[in-house]
Amino acid sequence: MSEQNTEQTIKVRQVTDVQASWTEDQRGEPGSFTIQLILDDGAEEYVLQPTASDTKVMLKLFRSTDKVYFDLGNKVLIPSNVF
């Protein structure tokens, strides 16, 4: 199996960096959040578009655990522990 094929079969990756941003859609209107996940030190990236309340919860989750994984196939964040 080639290296490229191996990379494509990996479905769960560690989130190694997170970039949260907010964008104004229209002046005076609610904006939108995005959370960019850097996976396995840049091997892959994925952008989430959560609601404002989900963004708040997700950022707390990232701060409260040592490691977070992301399942690319099922689009699921997996914290290593939350306690």
PDB file of N, CA and C in Angstrom:
ATOM      1  N   MET A   1       0.853  -1.175   0.000  1.00  0.00           N
ATOM      2  CA  MET A   1       0.000   0.000   0.000  1.00  0.00           C
ATOM      3  C   MET A   1       0.900   1.239   0.000  1.00  0.00           C
ATOM      4  N   SER A   2       0.625   2.174  -0.849  1.00  0.00           N
ATOM      5  CA  SER A   2       1.440   3.378  -0.919  1.00  0.00           C
ATOM      6  C   SER A   2       1.168   4.290   0.272  1.00  0.00           C
ATOM      7  N   GLU A   3       2.096   5.214   0.509  1.00  0.00           N
ATOM      8  CA  GLU A   3       1.953   6.149   1.625  1.00  0.00           C
ATOM      9  C   GLU A   3       0.686   6.993   1.479  1.00  0.00           C
ATOM     10  N   GLN A   4       0.383   7.418   0.251  1.00  0.00           N
ATOM     11  CA  GLN A   4      -0.809   8.233   0.017  1.00  0.00           C
ATOM     12  C   GLN A   4      -2.075   7.450   0.351  1.00  0.00           C
ATOM     13  N   ASN A   5      -2.141   6.186  -0.031  1.00  0.00           N
ATOM     14  CA  ASN A   5      -3.307   5.365   0.287  1.00  0.00           C
ATOM     15  C   ASN A   5      -3.442   5.154   1.789  1.00  0.00           C
ATOM     16  N   THR A   6      -2.318   4.993   2.481  1.00  0.00           N
ATOM     17  CA  THR A   6      -2.344   4.844   3.931  1.00  0.00           C
ATOM     18  C   THR A   6      -2.905   6.097   4.580  1.00  0.00           C
ATOM     19  N   GLU A   7      -2.467   7.269   4.144  1.00  0.00           N
ATOM     20  CA  GLU A   7      -2.972   8.532   4.693  1.00  0.00           C
ATOM     21  C   GLU A   7      -4.483   8.657   4.490  1.00  0.00           C
ATOM     22  N   GLN A   8      -4.982   8.194   3.370  1.00  0.00           N
ATOM     23  CA  GLN A   8      -6.409   8.318   3.078  1.00  0.00           C
ATOM     24  C   GLN A   8      -7.255   7.361   3.911  1.00  0.00           C
ATOM     25  N   THR A   9      -6.677   6.277   4.417  1.00  0.00           N
ATOM     26  CA  THR A   9      -7.449   5.326   5.207  1.00  0.00           C
ATOM     27  C   THR A   9      -7.553   5.721   6.669  1.00  0.00           C
ATOM     28  N   ILE A  10      -6.746   6.670   7.121  1.00  0.00           N
ATOM     29  CA  ILE A  10      -6.807   7.115   8.512  1.00  0.00           C
ATOM     30  C   ILE A  10      -8.065   7.948   8.700  1.00  0.00           C
ATOM     31  N   LYS A  11      -8.915   7.521   9.611  1.00  0.00           N
ATOM     32  CA  LYS A  11     -10.192   8.204   9.814  1.00  0.00           C
ATOM     33  C   LYS A  11     -10.239   8.984  11.127  1.00  0.00           C
ATOM     34  N   VAL A  12      -9.428   8.617  12.119  1.00  0.00           N
ATOM     35  CA  VAL A  12      -9.408   9.319  13.399  1.00  0.00           C
ATOM     36  C   VAL A  12      -8.031   9.933  13.583  1.00  0.00           C
ATOM     37  N   ARG A  13      -8.005  11.229  13.790  1.00  0.00           N
ATOM     38  CA  ARG A  13      -6.738  11.949  13.943  1.00  0.00           C
ATOM     39  C   ARG A  13      -6.774  12.791  15.215  1.00  0.00           C
ATOM     40  N   GLN A  14      -5.597  13.059  15.769  1.00  0.00           N
ATOM     41  CA  GLN A  14      -5.504  13.904  16.955  1.00  0.00           C
ATOM     42  C   GLN A  14      -5.587  15.370  16.548  1.00  0.00           C
ATOM     43  N   VAL A  15      -6.365  16.127  17.294  1.00  0.00           N
ATOM     44  CA  VAL A  15      -6.446  17.579  17.093  1.00  0.00           C
ATOM     45  C   VAL A  15      -5.214  18.173  17.768  1.00  0.00           C
ATOM     46  N   THR A  16      -4.309  18.741  16.969  1.00  0.00           N
ATOM     47  CA  THR A  16      -3.074  19.295  17.532  1.00  0.00           C
ATOM     48  C   THR A  16      -3.101  20.813  17.633  1.00  0.00           C
ATOM     49  N   ASP A  17      -4.060  21.461  17.006  1.00  0.00           N
ATOM     50  CA  ASP A  17      -4.216  22.905  17.136  1.00  0.00           C
ATOM     51  C   ASP A  17      -5.642  23.274  16.746  1.00  0.00           C
ATOM     52  N   VAL A  18      -6.122  24.380  17.312  1.00  0.00           N
ATOM     53  CA  VAL A  18      -7.484  24.845  17.061  1.00  0.00           C
ATOM     54  C   VAL A  18      -7.428  26.342  16.788  1.00  0.00           C
ATOM     55  N   GLN A  19      -8.124  26.785  15.744  1.00  0.00           N
ATOM     56  CA  GLN A  19      -8.208  28.214  15.430  1.00  0.00           C
ATOM     57  C   GLN A  19      -9.682  28.572  15.342  1.00  0.00           C
ATOM     58  N   ALA A  20     -10.148  29.376  16.301  1.00  0.00           N
ATOM     59  CA  ALA A  20     -11.545  29.806  16.296  1.00  0.00           C
ATOM     60  C   ALA A  20     -11.637  31.207  15.709  1.00  0.00           C
ATOM     61  N   SER A  21     -12.660  31.445  14.905  1.00  0.00           N
ATOM     62  CA  SER A  21     -12.869  32.778  14.342  1.00  0.00           C
ATOM     63  C   SER A  21     -14.354  33.094  14.266  1.00  0.00           C
ATOM     64  N   TRP A  22     -14.616  34.396  14.208  1.00  0.00           N
ATOM     65  CA  TRP A  22     -15.966  34.898  14.056  1.00  0.00           C
ATOM     66  C   TRP A  22     -15.970  35.829  12.857  1.00  0.00           C
ATOM     67  N   THR A  23     -16.993  35.721  12.029  1.00  0.00           N
ATOM     68  CA  THR A  23     -17.099  36.539  10.823  1.00  0.00           C
ATOM     69  C   THR A  23     -18.418  37.297  10.837  1.00  0.00           C
ATOM     70  N   GLU A  24     -18.330  38.598  10.554  1.00  0.00           N
ATOM     71  CA  GLU A  24     -19.536  39.409  10.438  1.00  0.00           C
ATOM     72  C   GLU A  24     -20.187  39.085   9.098  1.00  0.00           C
ATOM     73  N   ASP A  25     -21.469  38.703   9.139  1.00  0.00           N
ATOM     74  CA  ASP A  25     -22.176  38.404   7.891  1.00  0.00           C
ATOM     75  C   ASP A  25     -22.716  39.693   7.271  1.00  0.00           C
ATOM     76  N   GLN A  26     -23.484  40.443   8.046  1.00  0.00           N
ATOM     77  CA  GLN A  26     -23.989  41.741   7.612  1.00  0.00           C
ATOM     78  C   GLN A  26     -23.926  42.684   8.807  1.00  0.00           C
ATOM     79  N   ARG A  27     -23.657  43.923   8.559  1.00  0.00           N
ATOM     80  CA  ARG A  27     -23.529  44.934   9.611  1.00  0.00           C
ATOM     81  C   ARG A  27     -24.761  44.908  10.512  1.00  0.00           C
ATOM     82  N   GLY A  28     -24.535  44.741  11.815  1.00  0.00           N
ATOM     83  CA  GLY A  28     -25.620  44.747  12.780  1.00  0.00           C
ATOM     84  C   GLY A  28     -26.382  43.439  12.913  1.00  0.00           C
ATOM     85  N   GLU A  29     -26.027  42.447  12.135  1.00  0.00           N
ATOM     86  CA  GLU A  29     -26.682  41.144  12.185  1.00  0.00           C
ATOM     87  C   GLU A  29     -25.765  40.137  12.877  1.00  0.00           C
ATOM     88  N   PRO A  30     -26.326  39.025  13.362  1.00  0.00           N
ATOM     89  CA  PRO A  30     -25.475  37.999  13.967  1.00  0.00           C
ATOM     90  C   PRO A  30     -24.439  37.484  12.956  1.00  0.00           C
ATOM     91  N   GLY A  31     -23.260  37.197  13.458  1.00  0.00           N
ATOM     92  CA  GLY A  31     -22.210  36.659  12.602  1.00  0.00           C
ATOM     93  C   GLY A  31     -22.185  35.141  12.668  1.00  0.00           C
ATOM     94  N   SER A  32     -21.097  34.570  12.193  1.00  0.00           N
ATOM     95  CA  SER A  32     -20.967  33.114  12.226  1.00  0.00           C
ATOM     96  C   SER A  32     -19.579  32.728  12.728  1.00  0.00           C
ATOM     97  N   PHE A  33     -19.539  31.623  13.437  1.00  0.00           N
ATOM     98  CA  PHE A  33     -18.299  31.094  13.980  1.00  0.00           C
ATOM     99  C   PHE A  33     -17.778  29.963  13.109  1.00  0.00           C
ATOM    100  N   THR A  34     -16.467  29.837  13.068  1.00  0.00           N
ATOM    101  CA  THR A  34     -15.826  28.662  12.487  1.00  0.00           C
ATOM    102  C   THR A  34     -14.727  28.226  13.438  1.00  0.00           C
ATOM    103  N   ILE A  35     -14.516  26.929  13.500  1.00  0.00           N
ATOM    104  CA  ILE A  35     -13.419  26.365  14.271  1.00  0.00           C
ATOM    105  C   ILE A  35     -12.623  25.483  13.315  1.00  0.00           C
ATOM    106  N   GLN A  36     -11.382  25.889  13.080  1.00  0.00           N
ATOM    107  CA  GLN A  36     -10.505  25.121  12.209  1.00  0.00           C
ATOM    108  C   GLN A  36      -9.711  24.155  13.069  1.00  0.00           C
ATOM    109  N   LEU A  37      -9.825  22.878  12.758  1.00  0.00           N
ATOM    110  CA  LEU A  37      -9.081  21.850  13.464  1.00  0.00           C
ATOM    111  C   LEU A  37      -7.833  21.502  12.654  1.00  0.00           C
ATOM    112  N   ILE A  38      -6.679  21.612  13.273  1.00  0.00           N
ATOM    113  CA  ILE A  38      -5.434  21.144  12.664  1.00  0.00           C
ATOM    114  C   ILE A  38      -5.219  19.744  13.218  1.00  0.00           C
ATOM    115  N   LEU A  39      -5.147  18.782  12.334  1.00  0.00           N
ATOM    116  CA  LEU A  39      -5.084  17.386  12.742  1.00  0.00           C
ATOM    117  C   LEU A  39      -3.701  16.801  12.485  1.00  0.00           C
ATOM    118  N   ASP A  40      -3.181  16.089  13.495  1.00  0.00           N
ATOM    119  CA  ASP A  40      -1.869  15.440  13.401  1.00  0.00           C
ATOM    120  C   ASP A  40      -0.803  16.381  12.849  1.00  0.00           C
ATOM    121  N   ASP A  41      -0.659  17.540  13.504  1.00  0.00           N
ATOM    122  CA  ASP A  41       0.375  18.528  13.158  1.00  0.00           C
ATOM    123  C   ASP A  41       0.346  18.960  11.692  1.00  0.00           C
ATOM    124  N   GLY A  42      -0.844  19.074  11.133  1.00  0.00           N
ATOM    125  CA  GLY A  42      -0.990  19.581   9.773  1.00  0.00           C
ATOM    126  C   GLY A  42      -1.168  18.525   8.706  1.00  0.00           C
ATOM    127  N   ALA A  43      -1.248  17.257   9.087  1.00  0.00           N
ATOM    128  CA  ALA A  43      -1.474  16.209   8.087  1.00  0.00           C
ATOM    129  C   ALA A  43      -2.816  16.403   7.396  1.00  0.00           C
ATOM    130  N   GLU A  44      -3.753  16.999   8.130  1.00  0.00           N
ATOM    131  CA  GLU A  44      -5.074  17.261   7.566  1.00  0.00           C
ATOM    132  C   GLU A  44      -5.698  18.408   8.353  1.00  0.00           C
ATOM    133  N   GLU A  45      -6.681  19.060   7.766  1.00  0.00           N
ATOM    134  CA  GLU A  45      -7.424  20.133   8.422  1.00  0.00           C
ATOM    135  C   GLU A  45      -8.904  19.897   8.190  1.00  0.00           C
ATOM    136  N   TYR A  46      -9.703  20.397   9.126  1.00  0.00           N
ATOM    137  CA  TYR A  46     -11.144  20.295   8.979  1.00  0.00           C
ATOM    138  C   TYR A  46     -11.761  21.538   9.605  1.00  0.00           C
ATOM    139  N   VAL A  47     -12.774  22.114   8.974  1.00  0.00           N
ATOM    140  CA  VAL A  47     -13.416  23.321   9.481  1.00  0.00           C
ATOM    141  C   VAL A  47     -14.843  22.992   9.914  1.00  0.00           C
ATOM    142  N   LEU A  48     -15.130  23.330  11.177  1.00  0.00           N
ATOM    143  CA  LEU A  48     -16.468  23.170  11.727  1.00  0.00           C
ATOM    144  C   LEU A  48     -17.177  24.516  11.678  1.00  0.00           C
ATOM    145  N   GLN A  49     -18.495  24.514  11.561  1.00  0.00           N
ATOM    146  CA  GLN A  49     -19.285  25.740  11.555  1.00  0.00           C
ATOM    147  C   GLN A  49     -20.372  25.641  12.623  1.00  0.00           C
ATOM    148  N   PRO A  50     -19.967  25.683  13.902  1.00  0.00           N
ATOM    149  CA  PRO A  50     -20.929  25.513  14.988  1.00  0.00           C
ATOM    150  C   PRO A  50     -21.735  26.777  15.259  1.00  0.00           C
ATOM    151  N   THR A  51     -22.837  26.595  15.986  1.00  0.00           N
ATOM    152  CA  THR A  51     -23.606  27.739  16.476  1.00  0.00           C
ATOM    153  C   THR A  51     -22.787  28.441  17.559  1.00  0.00           C
ATOM    154  N   ALA A  52     -23.225  29.613  17.967  1.00  0.00           N
ATOM    155  CA  ALA A  52     -22.511  30.352  19.015  1.00  0.00           C
ATOM    156  C   ALA A  52     -22.468  29.550  20.314  1.00  0.00           C
ATOM    157  N   SER A  53     -23.582  28.946  20.706  1.00  0.00           N
ATOM    158  CA  SER A  53     -23.592  28.175  21.958  1.00  0.00           C
ATOM    159  C   SER A  53     -22.736  26.919  21.848  1.00  0.00           C
ATOM    160  N   ASP A  54     -22.736  26.263  20.708  1.00  0.00           N
ATOM    161  CA  ASP A  54     -21.876  25.090  20.517  1.00  0.00           C
ATOM    162  C   ASP A  54     -20.402  25.490  20.521  1.00  0.00           C
ATOM    163  N   THR A  55     -20.094  26.659  19.969  1.00  0.00           N
ATOM    164  CA  THR A  55     -18.709  27.139  19.959  1.00  0.00           C
ATOM    165  C   THR A  55     -18.204  27.303  21.381  1.00  0.00           C
ATOM    166  N   LYS A  56     -19.021  27.879  22.231  1.00  0.00           N
ATOM    167  CA  LYS A  56     -18.646  28.086  23.631  1.00  0.00           C
ATOM    168  C   LYS A  56     -18.342  26.746  24.312  1.00  0.00           C
ATOM    169  N   VAL A  57     -19.207  25.772  24.117  1.00  0.00           N
ATOM    170  CA  VAL A  57     -19.019  24.448  24.710  1.00  0.00           C
ATOM    171  C   VAL A  57     -17.768  23.770  24.145  1.00  0.00           C
ATOM    172  N   MET A  58     -17.572  23.867  22.853  1.00  0.00           N
ATOM    173  CA  MET A  58     -16.413  23.220  22.219  1.00  0.00           C
ATOM    174  C   MET A  58     -15.100  23.817  22.721  1.00  0.00           C
ATOM    175  N   LEU A  59     -15.035  25.132  22.861  1.00  0.00           N
ATOM    176  CA  LEU A  59     -13.809  25.766  23.339  1.00  0.00           C
ATOM    177  C   LEU A  59     -13.514  25.355  24.778  1.00  0.00           C
ATOM    178  N   LYS A  60     -14.554  25.221  25.600  1.00  0.00           N
ATOM    179  CA  LYS A  60     -14.362  24.717  26.966  1.00  0.00           C
ATOM    180  C   LYS A  60     -13.853  23.282  26.940  1.00  0.00           C
ATOM    181  N   LEU A  61     -14.382  22.489  26.045  1.00  0.00           N
ATOM    182  CA  LEU A  61     -13.937  21.102  25.910  1.00  0.00           C
ATOM    183  C   LEU A  61     -12.457  21.035  25.554  1.00  0.00           C
ATOM    184  N   PHE A  62     -12.021  21.845  24.599  1.00  0.00           N
ATOM    185  CA  PHE A  62     -10.618  21.848  24.195  1.00  0.00           C
ATOM    186  C   PHE A  62      -9.707  22.255  25.359  1.00  0.00           C
ATOM    187  N   ARG A  63     -10.175  23.188  26.188  1.00  0.00           N
ATOM    188  CA  ARG A  63      -9.361  23.650  27.323  1.00  0.00           C
ATOM    189  C   ARG A  63      -9.338  22.651  28.472  1.00  0.00           C
ATOM    190  N   SER A  64     -10.355  21.815  28.597  1.00  0.00           N
ATOM    191  CA  SER A  64     -10.494  20.953  29.769  1.00  0.00           C
ATOM    192  C   SER A  64      -9.869  19.569  29.628  1.00  0.00           C
ATOM    193  N   THR A  65      -9.330  19.251  28.485  1.00  0.00           N
ATOM    194  CA  THR A  65      -8.754  17.922  28.289  1.00  0.00           C
ATOM    195  C   THR A  65      -7.379  18.020  27.646  1.00  0.00           C
ATOM    196  N   ASP A  66      -6.557  17.017  27.906  1.00  0.00           N
ATOM    197  CA  ASP A  66      -5.204  17.010  27.346  1.00  0.00           C
ATOM    198  C   ASP A  66      -5.186  16.746  25.847  1.00  0.00           C
ATOM    199  N   LYS A  67      -6.025  15.820  25.409  1.00  0.00           N
ATOM    200  CA  LYS A  67      -6.037  15.432  23.999  1.00  0.00           C
ATOM    201  C   LYS A  67      -7.469  15.325  23.499  1.00  0.00           C
ATOM    202  N   VAL A  68      -7.655  15.739  22.256  1.00  0.00           N
ATOM    203  CA  VAL A  68      -8.936  15.582  21.577  1.00  0.00           C
ATOM    204  C   VAL A  68      -8.644  14.950  20.220  1.00  0.00           C
ATOM    205  N   TYR A  69      -9.477  14.024  19.835  1.00  0.00           N
ATOM    206  CA  TYR A  69      -9.361  13.372  18.534  1.00  0.00           C
ATOM    207  C   TYR A  69     -10.582  13.741  17.712  1.00  0.00           C
ATOM    208  N   PHE A  70     -10.448  13.641  16.393  1.00  0.00           N
ATOM    209  CA  PHE A  70     -11.570  13.926  15.500  1.00  0.00           C
ATOM    210  C   PHE A  70     -11.729  12.773  14.535  1.00  0.00           C
ATOM    211  N   ASP A  71     -12.919  12.194  14.511  1.00  0.00           N
ATOM    212  CA  ASP A  71     -13.256  11.104  13.600  1.00  0.00           C
ATOM    213  C   ASP A  71     -13.771  11.732  12.306  1.00  0.00           C
ATOM    214  N   LEU A  72     -12.946  11.686  11.273  1.00  0.00           N
ATOM    215  CA  LEU A  72     -13.301  12.317   9.999  1.00  0.00           C
ATOM    216  C   LEU A  72     -14.487  11.643   9.327  1.00  0.00           C
ATOM    217  N   GLY A  73     -14.601  10.346   9.470  1.00  0.00           N
ATOM    218  CA  GLY A  73     -15.686   9.621   8.821  1.00  0.00           C
ATOM    219  C   GLY A  73     -17.048   9.939   9.413  1.00  0.00           C
ATOM    220  N   ASN A  74     -17.100  10.053  10.739  1.00  0.00           N
ATOM    221  CA  ASN A  74     -18.365  10.287  11.427  1.00  0.00           C
ATOM    222  C   ASN A  74     -18.549  11.720  11.904  1.00  0.00           C
ATOM    223  N   LYS A  75     -17.514  12.563  11.718  1.00  0.00           N
ATOM    224  CA  LYS A  75     -17.558  13.978  12.126  1.00  0.00           C
ATOM    225  C   LYS A  75     -17.836  14.108  13.625  1.00  0.00           C
ATOM    226  N   VAL A  76     -17.022  13.416  14.441  1.00  0.00           N
ATOM    227  CA  VAL A  76     -17.212  13.378  15.885  1.00  0.00           C
ATOM    228  C   VAL A  76     -15.934  13.823  16.586  1.00  0.00           C
ATOM    229  N   LEU A  77     -16.068  14.754  17.554  1.00  0.00           N
ATOM    230  CA  LEU A  77     -14.957  15.125  18.424  1.00  0.00           C
ATOM    231  C   LEU A  77     -14.911  14.127  19.574  1.00  0.00           C
ATOM    232  N   ILE A  78     -13.711  13.638  19.890  1.00  0.00           N
ATOM    233  CA  ILE A  78     -13.555  12.624  20.920  1.00  0.00           C
ATOM    234  C   ILE A  78     -12.512  13.122  21.931  1.00  0.00           C
ATOM    235  N   PRO A  79     -12.949  13.597  23.113  1.00  0.00           N
ATOM    236  CA  PRO A  79     -11.983  14.031  24.116  1.00  0.00           C
ATOM    237  C   PRO A  79     -11.352  12.813  24.795  1.00  0.00           C
ATOM    238  N   SER A  80     -10.077  12.944  25.196  1.00  0.00           N
ATOM    239  CA  SER A  80      -9.408  11.816  25.855  1.00  0.00           C
ATOM    240  C   SER A  80      -9.995  11.592  27.240  1.00  0.00           C
ATOM    241  N   ASN A  81     -10.336  12.662  27.935  1.00  0.00           N
ATOM    242  CA  ASN A  81     -11.015  12.594  29.228  1.00  0.00           C
ATOM    243  C   ASN A  81     -11.618  13.967  29.485  1.00  0.00           C
ATOM    244  N   VAL A  82     -12.623  14.014  30.297  1.00  0.00           N
ATOM    245  CA  VAL A  82     -13.247  15.303  30.589  1.00  0.00           C
ATOM    246  C   VAL A  82     -13.297  15.589  32.078  1.00  0.00           C
ATOM    247  N   PHE A  83     -12.622  14.790  32.845  1.00  0.00           N
ATOM    248  CA  PHE A  83     -12.610  14.981  34.297  1.00  0.00           C
ATOM    249  C   PHE A  83     -11.208  15.229  34.769  1.00  0.00           C
TER     250      PHE A  83
END
